[in-house]
Amino acid sequence: MLGFLPILLYNYEGEVETFKQGIANGDKDMIYPILKHLLSKLPELRKRAYLSRFLTAIEVPEEMFADPEVSSGPPILSWFPSPTLQSPPHPCPYSRVY
């Protein structure tokens, strides 16, 4: 939970160890400000929490890069569609555009 709070833009100004101990003990002085922050910005934080799975950096061990299969894999840009592909010239005949 402590690693997820910065993703939700919650900043604690005091000592980190005091904060950890307060959360572990269920201290109201630590829990209530967190709940206030989370509940007051719920729609924005819900979207941020969902997207954080895809946008946080993944730590890859160095020994993985020694594997030739991993290091010679396709470049990331080849996984996405080409920007030169154009959309169809007309909309779908079954869609209703008013």
PDB file of N, CA and C in Angstrom:
ATOM      1  N   MET A   1       0.827  -1.188   0.000  1.00  0.00           N
ATOM      2  CA  MET A   1       0.000   0.000   0.000  1.00  0.00           C
ATOM      3  C   MET A   1       0.873   1.254   0.000  1.00  0.00           C
ATOM      4  N   LEU A   2       1.985   1.210   0.695  1.00  0.00           N
ATOM      5  CA  LEU A   2       2.845   2.378   0.768  1.00  0.00           C
ATOM      6  C   LEU A   2       3.450   2.718  -0.591  1.00  0.00           C
ATOM      7  N   GLY A   3       3.666   1.736  -1.442  1.00  0.00           N
ATOM      8  CA  GLY A   3       4.185   1.994  -2.774  1.00  0.00           C
ATOM      9  C   GLY A   3       3.128   2.526  -3.720  1.00  0.00           C
ATOM     10  N   PHE A   4       1.863   2.309  -3.396  1.00  0.00           N
ATOM     11  CA  PHE A   4       0.775   2.735  -4.270  1.00  0.00           C
ATOM     12  C   PHE A   4       0.315   4.155  -3.974  1.00  0.00           C
ATOM     13  N   LEU A   5       0.566   4.649  -2.760  1.00  0.00           N
ATOM     14  CA  LEU A   5       0.116   5.994  -2.398  1.00  0.00           C
ATOM     15  C   LEU A   5       0.775   7.092  -3.243  1.00  0.00           C
ATOM     16  N   PRO A   6       2.063   7.012  -3.565  1.00  0.00           N
ATOM     17  CA  PRO A   6       2.616   8.050  -4.453  1.00  0.00           C
ATOM     18  C   PRO A   6       1.999   8.033  -5.857  1.00  0.00           C
ATOM     19  N   ILE A   7       1.588   6.881  -6.329  1.00  0.00           N
ATOM     20  CA  ILE A   7       0.926   6.807  -7.632  1.00  0.00           C
ATOM     21  C   ILE A   7      -0.397   7.562  -7.583  1.00  0.00           C
ATOM     22  N   LEU A   8      -1.044   7.529  -6.413  1.00  0.00           N
ATOM     23  CA  LEU A   8      -2.307   8.240  -6.229  1.00  0.00           C
ATOM     24  C   LEU A   8      -2.088   9.674  -5.757  1.00  0.00           C
ATOM     25  N   LEU A   9      -0.859  10.165  -5.914  1.00  0.00           N
ATOM     26  CA  LEU A   9      -0.489  11.545  -5.618  1.00  0.00           C
ATOM     27  C   LEU A   9      -0.679  11.931  -4.153  1.00  0.00           C
ATOM     28  N   TYR A  10      -0.505  10.986  -3.255  1.00  0.00           N
ATOM     29  CA  TYR A  10      -0.571  11.295  -1.829  1.00  0.00           C
ATOM     30  C   TYR A  10       0.849  11.476  -1.310  1.00  0.00           C
ATOM     31  N   ASN A  11       1.108  12.641  -0.734  1.00  0.00           N
ATOM     32  CA  ASN A  11       2.424  12.943  -0.187  1.00  0.00           C
ATOM     33  C   ASN A  11       2.321  13.125   1.318  1.00  0.00           C
ATOM     34  N   TYR A  12       3.170  12.442   2.054  1.00  0.00           N
ATOM     35  CA  TYR A  12       3.239  12.581   3.501  1.00  0.00           C
ATOM     36  C   TYR A  12       4.477  13.402   3.822  1.00  0.00           C
ATOM     37  N   GLU A  13       4.309  14.426   4.632  1.00  0.00           N
ATOM     38  CA  GLU A  13       5.388  15.367   4.907  1.00  0.00           C
ATOM     39  C   GLU A  13       6.295  14.946   6.058  1.00  0.00           C
ATOM     40  N   GLY A  14       5.901  14.002   6.880  1.00  0.00           N
ATOM     41  CA  GLY A  14       6.679  13.622   8.051  1.00  0.00           C
ATOM     42  C   GLY A  14       7.687  12.521   7.775  1.00  0.00           C
ATOM     43  N   GLU A  15       8.126  11.887   8.864  1.00  0.00           N
ATOM     44  CA  GLU A  15       9.078  10.779   8.774  1.00  0.00           C
ATOM     45  C   GLU A  15       8.416   9.556   8.146  1.00  0.00           C
ATOM     46  N   VAL A  16       9.145   8.881   7.297  1.00  0.00           N
ATOM     47  CA  VAL A  16       8.614   7.708   6.599  1.00  0.00           C
ATOM     48  C   VAL A  16       8.364   6.574   7.587  1.00  0.00           C
ATOM     49  N   GLU A  17       9.279   6.371   8.514  1.00  0.00           N
ATOM     50  CA  GLU A  17       9.114   5.286   9.492  1.00  0.00           C
ATOM     51  C   GLU A  17       7.904   5.536  10.384  1.00  0.00           C
ATOM     52  N   THR A  18       7.685   6.782  10.782  1.00  0.00           N
ATOM     53  CA  THR A  18       6.506   7.117  11.590  1.00  0.00           C
ATOM     54  C   THR A  18       5.238   6.849  10.803  1.00  0.00           C
ATOM     55  N   PHE A  19       5.272   7.176   9.516  1.00  0.00           N
ATOM     56  CA  PHE A  19       4.120   6.945   8.647  1.00  0.00           C
ATOM     57  C   PHE A  19       3.829   5.457   8.512  1.00  0.00           C
ATOM     58  N   LYS A  20       4.871   4.666   8.274  1.00  0.00           N
ATOM     59  CA  LYS A  20       4.699   3.208   8.161  1.00  0.00           C
ATOM     60  C   LYS A  20       4.142   2.617   9.443  1.00  0.00           C
ATOM     61  N   GLN A  21       4.692   3.052  10.567  1.00  0.00           N
ATOM     62  CA  GLN A  21       4.244   2.539  11.866  1.00  0.00           C
ATOM     63  C   GLN A  21       2.795   2.939  12.138  1.00  0.00           C
ATOM     64  N   GLY A  22       2.444   4.183  11.783  1.00  0.00           N
ATOM     65  CA  GLY A  22       1.072   4.653  11.990  1.00  0.00           C
ATOM     66  C   GLY A  22       0.069   3.878  11.162  1.00  0.00           C
ATOM     67  N   ILE A  23       0.414   3.556   9.926  1.00  0.00           N
ATOM     68  CA  ILE A  23      -0.486   2.768   9.075  1.00  0.00           C
ATOM     69  C   ILE A  23      -0.584   1.341   9.598  1.00  0.00           C
ATOM     70  N   ALA A  24       0.545   0.781  10.019  1.00  0.00           N
ATOM     71  CA  ALA A  24       0.533  -0.593  10.535  1.00  0.00           C
ATOM     72  C   ALA A  24      -0.312  -0.703  11.801  1.00  0.00           C
ATOM     73  N   ASN A  25      -0.309   0.340  12.622  1.00  0.00           N
ATOM     74  CA  ASN A  25      -1.090   0.330  13.867  1.00  0.00           C
ATOM     75  C   ASN A  25      -2.523   0.804  13.663  1.00  0.00           C
ATOM     76  N   GLY A  26      -2.852   1.297  12.468  1.00  0.00           N
ATOM     77  CA  GLY A  26      -4.201   1.793  12.212  1.00  0.00           C
ATOM     78  C   GLY A  26      -4.469   3.122  12.885  1.00  0.00           C
ATOM     79  N   ASP A  27      -3.454   3.952  12.998  1.00  0.00           N
ATOM     80  CA  ASP A  27      -3.574   5.253  13.652  1.00  0.00           C
ATOM     81  C   ASP A  27      -4.507   6.162  12.854  1.00  0.00           C
ATOM     82  N   LYS A  28      -5.496   6.733  13.536  1.00  0.00           N
ATOM     83  CA  LYS A  28      -6.470   7.589  12.858  1.00  0.00           C
ATOM     84  C   LYS A  28      -5.815   8.814  12.241  1.00  0.00           C
ATOM     85  N   ASP A  29      -4.776   9.326  12.875  1.00  0.00           N
ATOM     86  CA  ASP A  29      -4.087  10.509  12.347  1.00  0.00           C
ATOM     87  C   ASP A  29      -3.379  10.215  11.031  1.00  0.00           C
ATOM     88  N   MET A  30      -3.136   8.967  10.733  1.00  0.00           N
ATOM     89  CA  MET A  30      -2.510   8.590   9.466  1.00  0.00           C
ATOM     90  C   MET A  30      -3.546   8.144   8.434  1.00  0.00           C
ATOM     91  N   ILE A  31      -4.541   7.395   8.877  1.00  0.00           N
ATOM     92  CA  ILE A  31      -5.524   6.798   7.972  1.00  0.00           C
ATOM     93  C   ILE A  31      -6.524   7.828   7.450  1.00  0.00           C
ATOM     94  N   TYR A  32      -7.037   8.686   8.315  1.00  0.00           N
ATOM     95  CA  TYR A  32      -8.076   9.632   7.906  1.00  0.00           C
ATOM     96  C   TYR A  32      -7.623  10.604   6.816  1.00  0.00           C
ATOM     97  N   PRO A  33      -6.414  11.188   6.891  1.00  0.00           N
ATOM     98  CA  PRO A  33      -5.995  12.049   5.774  1.00  0.00           C
ATOM     99  C   PRO A  33      -5.865  11.291   4.450  1.00  0.00           C
ATOM    100  N   ILE A  34      -5.459  10.037   4.521  1.00  0.00           N
ATOM    101  CA  ILE A  34      -5.372   9.230   3.298  1.00  0.00           C
ATOM    102  C   ILE A  34      -6.767   9.019   2.718  1.00  0.00           C
ATOM    103  N   LEU A  35      -7.712   8.641   3.571  1.00  0.00           N
ATOM    104  CA  LEU A  35      -9.085   8.429   3.106  1.00  0.00           C
ATOM    105  C   LEU A  35      -9.689   9.715   2.553  1.00  0.00           C
ATOM    106  N   LYS A  36      -9.412  10.839   3.210  1.00  0.00           N
ATOM    107  CA  LYS A  36      -9.930  12.116   2.721  1.00  0.00           C
ATOM    108  C   LYS A  36      -9.377  12.420   1.335  1.00  0.00           C
ATOM    109  N   HIS A  37      -8.083  12.198   1.157  1.00  0.00           N
ATOM    110  CA  HIS A  37      -7.461  12.442  -0.152  1.00  0.00           C
ATOM    111  C   HIS A  37      -8.058  11.526  -1.222  1.00  0.00           C
ATOM    112  N   LEU A  38      -8.194  10.239  -0.895  1.00  0.00           N
ATOM    113  CA  LEU A  38      -8.698   9.276  -1.877  1.00  0.00           C
ATOM    114  C   LEU A  38     -10.160   9.519  -2.229  1.00  0.00           C
ATOM    115  N   LEU A  39     -10.986   9.777  -1.228  1.00  0.00           N
ATOM    116  CA  LEU A  39     -12.420   9.920  -1.480  1.00  0.00           C
ATOM    117  C   LEU A  39     -12.789  11.268  -2.085  1.00  0.00           C
ATOM    118  N   SER A  40     -11.987  12.298  -1.831  1.00  0.00           N
ATOM    119  CA  SER A  40     -12.316  13.611  -2.399  1.00  0.00           C
ATOM    120  C   SER A  40     -11.973  13.689  -3.884  1.00  0.00           C
ATOM    121  N   LYS A  41     -11.083  12.838  -4.353  1.00  0.00           N
ATOM    122  CA  LYS A  41     -10.679  12.844  -5.768  1.00  0.00           C
ATOM    123  C   LYS A  41     -10.925  11.489  -6.414  1.00  0.00           C
ATOM    124  N   LEU A  42     -11.962  10.819  -6.014  1.00  0.00           N
ATOM    125  CA  LEU A  42     -12.194   9.439  -6.420  1.00  0.00           C
ATOM    126  C   LEU A  42     -12.242   9.225  -7.933  1.00  0.00           C
ATOM    127  N   PRO A  43     -12.992  10.003  -8.722  1.00  0.00           N
ATOM    128  CA  PRO A  43     -13.037   9.717 -10.168  1.00  0.00           C
ATOM    129  C   PRO A  43     -11.666   9.833 -10.850  1.00  0.00           C
ATOM    130  N   GLU A  44     -10.904  10.882 -10.499  1.00  0.00           N
ATOM    131  CA  GLU A  44      -9.588  11.044 -11.126  1.00  0.00           C
ATOM    132  C   GLU A  44      -8.633   9.953 -10.681  1.00  0.00           C
ATOM    133  N   LEU A  45      -8.680   9.618  -9.387  1.00  0.00           N
ATOM    134  CA  LEU A  45      -7.760   8.615  -8.859  1.00  0.00           C
ATOM    135  C   LEU A  45      -8.109   7.213  -9.331  1.00  0.00           C
ATOM    136  N   ARG A  46      -9.376   6.968  -9.595  1.00  0.00           N
ATOM    137  CA  ARG A  46      -9.771   5.660 -10.116  1.00  0.00           C
ATOM    138  C   ARG A  46      -9.144   5.438 -11.494  1.00  0.00           C
ATOM    139  N   LYS A  47      -9.203   6.466 -12.340  1.00  0.00           N
ATOM    140  CA  LYS A  47      -8.600   6.374 -13.665  1.00  0.00           C
ATOM    141  C   LYS A  47      -7.083   6.252 -13.551  1.00  0.00           C
ATOM    142  N   ARG A  48      -6.490   7.033 -12.656  1.00  0.00           N
ATOM    143  CA  ARG A  48      -5.046   6.993 -12.458  1.00  0.00           C
ATOM    144  C   ARG A  48      -4.598   5.620 -11.957  1.00  0.00           C
ATOM    145  N   ALA A  49      -5.364   5.025 -11.048  1.00  0.00           N
ATOM    146  CA  ALA A  49      -5.019   3.706 -10.517  1.00  0.00           C
ATOM    147  C   ALA A  49      -5.095   2.647 -11.617  1.00  0.00           C
ATOM    148  N   TYR A  50      -6.096   2.730 -12.473  1.00  0.00           N
ATOM    149  CA  TYR A  50      -6.229   1.770 -13.565  1.00  0.00           C
ATOM    150  C   TYR A  50      -5.062   1.900 -14.537  1.00  0.00           C
ATOM    151  N   LEU A  51      -4.733   3.121 -14.929  1.00  0.00           N
ATOM    152  CA  LEU A  51      -3.671   3.340 -15.901  1.00  0.00           C
ATOM    153  C   LEU A  51      -2.287   3.071 -15.338  1.00  0.00           C
ATOM    154  N   SER A  52      -2.143   3.103 -14.028  1.00  0.00           N
ATOM    155  CA  SER A  52      -0.819   2.898 -13.426  1.00  0.00           C
ATOM    156  C   SER A  52      -0.271   1.505 -13.726  1.00  0.00           C
ATOM    157  N   ARG A  53      -1.139   0.534 -13.942  1.00  0.00           N
ATOM    158  CA  ARG A  53      -0.657  -0.808 -14.301  1.00  0.00           C
ATOM    159  C   ARG A  53       0.122  -0.785 -15.600  1.00  0.00           C
ATOM    160  N   PHE A  54      -0.274   0.098 -16.496  1.00  0.00           N
ATOM    161  CA  PHE A  54       0.329   0.129 -17.818  1.00  0.00           C
ATOM    162  C   PHE A  54       1.444   1.164 -17.943  1.00  0.00           C
ATOM    163  N   LEU A  55       1.476   2.144 -17.056  1.00  0.00           N
ATOM    164  CA  LEU A  55       2.394   3.265 -17.217  1.00  0.00           C
ATOM    165  C   LEU A  55       3.547   3.277 -16.230  1.00  0.00           C
ATOM    166  N   THR A  56       3.589   2.359 -15.291  1.00  0.00           N
ATOM    167  CA  THR A  56       4.711   2.320 -14.368  1.00  0.00           C
ATOM    168  C   THR A  56       5.856   1.535 -14.994  1.00  0.00           C
ATOM    169  N   ALA A  57       7.059   1.926 -14.627  1.00  0.00           N
ATOM    170  CA  ALA A  57       8.246   1.270 -15.171  1.00  0.00           C
ATOM    171  C   ALA A  57       8.382  -0.130 -14.598  1.00  0.00           C
ATOM    172  N   ILE A  58       8.787  -1.040 -15.430  1.00  0.00           N
ATOM    173  CA  ILE A  58       8.999  -2.430 -15.019  1.00  0.00           C
ATOM    174  C   ILE A  58      10.500  -2.651 -14.920  1.00  0.00           C
ATOM    175  N   GLU A  59      10.939  -3.136 -13.791  1.00  0.00           N
ATOM    176  CA  GLU A  59      12.351  -3.418 -13.617  1.00  0.00           C
ATOM    177  C   GLU A  59      12.670  -4.793 -14.192  1.00  0.00           C
ATOM    178  N   VAL A  60      13.558  -4.802 -15.176  1.00  0.00           N
ATOM    179  CA  VAL A  60      13.961  -6.043 -15.829  1.00  0.00           C
ATOM    180  C   VAL A  60      15.361  -6.382 -15.342  1.00  0.00           C
ATOM    181  N   PRO A  61      15.567  -7.584 -14.805  1.00  0.00           N
ATOM    182  CA  PRO A  61      16.899  -7.963 -14.340  1.00  0.00           C
ATOM    183  C   PRO A  61      17.911  -7.943 -15.482  1.00  0.00           C
ATOM    184  N   GLU A  62      19.146  -7.593 -15.147  1.00  0.00           N
ATOM    185  CA  GLU A  62      20.201  -7.497 -16.154  1.00  0.00           C
ATOM    186  C   GLU A  62      20.467  -8.837 -16.837  1.00  0.00           C
ATOM    187  N   GLU A  63      20.310  -9.949 -16.118  1.00  0.00           N
ATOM    188  CA  GLU A  63      20.591 -11.252 -16.725  1.00  0.00           C
ATOM    189  C   GLU A  63      19.611 -11.592 -17.843  1.00  0.00           C
ATOM    190  N   MET A  64      18.466 -10.927 -17.872  1.00  0.00           N
ATOM    191  CA  MET A  64      17.507 -11.158 -18.952  1.00  0.00           C
ATOM    192  C   MET A  64      18.039 -10.620 -20.281  1.00  0.00           C
ATOM    193  N   PHE A  65      18.835  -9.563 -20.234  1.00  0.00           N
ATOM    194  CA  PHE A  65      19.375  -8.990 -21.464  1.00  0.00           C
ATOM    195  C   PHE A  65      20.489  -9.850 -22.051  1.00  0.00           C
ATOM    196  N   ALA A  66      21.046 -10.750 -21.258  1.00  0.00           N
ATOM    197  CA  ALA A  66      22.087 -11.647 -21.767  1.00  0.00           C
ATOM    198  C   ALA A  66      21.495 -12.749 -22.653  1.00  0.00           C
ATOM    199  N   ASP A  67      20.211 -13.031 -22.496  1.00  0.00           N
ATOM    200  CA  ASP A  67      19.538 -14.051 -23.293  1.00  0.00           C
ATOM    201  C   ASP A  67      19.384 -13.534 -24.727  1.00  0.00           C
ATOM    202  N   PRO A  68      19.931 -14.237 -25.718  1.00  0.00           N
ATOM    203  CA  PRO A  68      19.864 -13.738 -27.107  1.00  0.00           C
ATOM    204  C   PRO A  68      18.436 -13.634 -27.634  1.00  0.00           C
ATOM    205  N   GLU A  69      17.560 -14.487 -27.162  1.00  0.00           N
ATOM    206  CA  GLU A  69      16.179 -14.429 -27.630  1.00  0.00           C
ATOM    207  C   GLU A  69      15.498 -13.151 -27.157  1.00  0.00           C
ATOM    208  N   VAL A  70      15.807 -12.735 -25.940  1.00  0.00           N
ATOM    209  CA  VAL A  70      15.206 -11.512 -25.405  1.00  0.00           C
ATOM    210  C   VAL A  70      15.831 -10.284 -26.042  1.00  0.00           C
ATOM    211  N   SER A  71      17.154 -10.279 -26.166  1.00  0.00           N
ATOM    212  CA  SER A  71      17.829  -9.092 -26.682  1.00  0.00           C
ATOM    213  C   SER A  71      17.628  -8.897 -28.178  1.00  0.00           C
ATOM    214  N   SER A  72      17.301  -9.946 -28.927  1.00  0.00           N
ATOM    215  CA  SER A  72      17.101  -9.800 -30.364  1.00  0.00           C
ATOM    216  C   SER A  72      15.630  -9.780 -30.746  1.00  0.00           C
ATOM    217  N   GLY A  73      14.764  -9.544 -29.779  1.00  0.00           N
ATOM    218  CA  GLY A  73      13.335  -9.514 -30.054  1.00  0.00           C
ATOM    219  C   GLY A  73      12.958  -8.353 -30.951  1.00  0.00           C
ATOM    220  N   PRO A  74      11.718  -8.337 -31.399  1.00  0.00           N
ATOM    221  CA  PRO A  74      11.294  -7.264 -32.299  1.00  0.00           C
ATOM    222  C   PRO A  74      11.284  -5.930 -31.555  1.00  0.00           C
ATOM    223  N   PRO A  75      11.550  -4.854 -32.265  1.00  0.00           N
ATOM    224  CA  PRO A  75      11.482  -3.555 -31.602  1.00  0.00           C
ATOM    225  C   PRO A  75      10.050  -3.248 -31.187  1.00  0.00           C
ATOM    226  N   ILE A  76       9.915  -2.451 -30.159  1.00  0.00           N
ATOM    227  CA  ILE A  76       8.595  -2.148 -29.613  1.00  0.00           C
ATOM    228  C   ILE A  76       7.716  -1.471 -30.658  1.00  0.00           C
ATOM    229  N   LEU A  77       8.288  -0.631 -31.490  1.00  0.00           N
ATOM    230  CA  LEU A  77       7.477   0.089 -32.467  1.00  0.00           C
ATOM    231  C   LEU A  77       6.830  -0.833 -33.480  1.00  0.00           C
ATOM    232  N   SER A  78       7.370  -2.026 -33.686  1.00  0.00           N
ATOM    233  CA  SER A  78       6.755  -2.932 -34.646  1.00  0.00           C
ATOM    234  C   SER A  78       5.478  -3.555 -34.094  1.00  0.00           C
ATOM    235  N   TRP A  79       5.231  -3.408 -32.803  1.00  0.00           N
ATOM    236  CA  TRP A  79       4.013  -3.968 -32.219  1.00  0.00           C
ATOM    237  C   TRP A  79       2.814  -3.082 -32.466  1.00  0.00           C
ATOM    238  N   PHE A  80       3.030  -1.820 -32.842  1.00  0.00           N
ATOM    239  CA  PHE A  80       1.947  -0.879 -33.028  1.00  0.00           C
ATOM    240  C   PHE A  80       1.666  -0.720 -34.518  1.00  0.00           C
ATOM    241  N   PRO A  81       0.442  -0.360 -34.861  1.00  0.00           N
ATOM    242  CA  PRO A  81       0.122  -0.184 -36.278  1.00  0.00           C
ATOM    243  C   PRO A  81       0.948   0.944 -36.893  1.00  0.00           C
ATOM    244  N   SER A  82       1.171   0.813 -38.153  1.00  0.00           N
ATOM    245  CA  SER A  82       1.952   1.808 -38.869  1.00  0.00           C
ATOM    246  C   SER A  82       1.177   3.112 -38.954  1.00  0.00           C
ATOM    247  N   PRO A  83       1.842   4.261 -38.740  1.00  0.00           N
ATOM    248  CA  PRO A  83       1.120   5.539 -38.841  1.00  0.00           C
ATOM    249  C   PRO A  83       0.749   5.875 -40.281  1.00  0.00           C
ATOM    250  N   THR A  84       1.305   5.154 -41.235  1.00  0.00           N
ATOM    251  CA  THR A  84       0.967   5.437 -42.636  1.00  0.00           C
ATOM    252  C   THR A  84      -0.359   4.814 -43.047  1.00  0.00           C
ATOM    253  N   LEU A  85      -0.882   3.887 -42.253  1.00  0.00           N
ATOM    254  CA  LEU A  85      -2.175   3.289 -42.580  1.00  0.00           C
ATOM    255  C   LEU A  85      -3.269   4.330 -42.410  1.00  0.00           C
ATOM    256  N   GLN A  86      -4.101   4.447 -43.391  1.00  0.00           N
ATOM    257  CA  GLN A  86      -5.176   5.429 -43.353  1.00  0.00           C
ATOM    258  C   GLN A  86      -6.494   4.740 -43.031  1.00  0.00           C
ATOM    259  N   SER A  87      -7.388   5.487 -42.414  1.00  0.00           N
ATOM    260  CA  SER A  87      -8.713   4.952 -42.142  1.00  0.00           C
ATOM    261  C   SER A  87      -9.501   4.897 -43.448  1.00  0.00           C
ATOM    262  N   PRO A  88     -10.570   4.125 -43.503  1.00  0.00           N
ATOM    263  CA  PRO A  88     -11.367   4.035 -44.725  1.00  0.00           C
ATOM    264  C   PRO A  88     -11.887   5.415 -45.136  1.00  0.00           C
ATOM    265  N   PRO A  89     -12.077   5.638 -46.433  1.00  0.00           N
ATOM    266  CA  PRO A  89     -12.500   6.965 -46.891  1.00  0.00           C
ATOM    267  C   PRO A  89     -13.925   7.322 -46.508  1.00  0.00           C
ATOM    268  N   HIS A  90     -14.759   6.353 -46.217  1.00  0.00           N
ATOM    269  CA  HIS A  90     -16.140   6.643 -45.848  1.00  0.00           C
ATOM    270  C   HIS A  90     -16.483   5.900 -44.567  1.00  0.00           C
ATOM    271  N   PRO A  91     -17.428   6.429 -43.808  1.00  0.00           N
ATOM    272  CA  PRO A  91     -17.799   5.738 -42.569  1.00  0.00           C
ATOM    273  C   PRO A  91     -18.545   4.447 -42.862  1.00  0.00           C
ATOM    274  N   CYS A  92     -18.673   3.659 -41.864  1.00  0.00           N
ATOM    275  CA  CYS A  92     -19.384   2.397 -41.987  1.00  0.00           C
ATOM    276  C   CYS A  92     -20.832   2.677 -42.405  1.00  0.00           C
ATOM    277  N   PRO A  93     -21.355   1.971 -43.405  1.00  0.00           N
ATOM    278  CA  PRO A  93     -22.725   2.264 -43.862  1.00  0.00           C
ATOM    279  C   PRO A  93     -23.778   1.937 -42.800  1.00  0.00           C
ATOM    280  N   TYR A  94     -23.412   1.170 -41.797  1.00  0.00           N
ATOM    281  CA  TYR A  94     -24.379   0.797 -40.784  1.00  0.00           C
ATOM    282  C   TYR A  94     -24.403   1.754 -39.606  1.00  0.00           C
ATOM    283  N   SER A  95     -23.445   2.695 -39.567  1.00  0.00           N
ATOM    284  CA  SER A  95     -23.435   3.646 -38.461  1.00  0.00           C
ATOM    285  C   SER A  95     -24.378   4.809 -38.777  1.00  0.00           C
ATOM    286  N   ARG A  96     -24.962   5.333 -37.748  1.00  0.00           N
ATOM    287  CA  ARG A  96     -25.875   6.458 -37.922  1.00  0.00           C
ATOM    288  C   ARG A  96     -25.157   7.731 -37.498  1.00  0.00           C
ATOM    289  N   VAL A  97     -24.887   8.576 -38.436  1.00  0.00           N
ATOM    290  CA  VAL A  97     -24.253   9.855 -38.158  1.00  0.00           C
ATOM    291  C   VAL A  97     -25.253  10.948 -38.463  1.00  0.00           C
ATOM    292  N   TYR A  98     -25.603  11.720 -37.468  1.00  0.00           N
ATOM    293  CA  TYR A  98     -26.590  12.787 -37.657  1.00  0.00           C
ATOM    294  C   TYR A  98     -25.939  14.121 -37.582  1.00  0.00           C
TER     295      TYR A  98
END
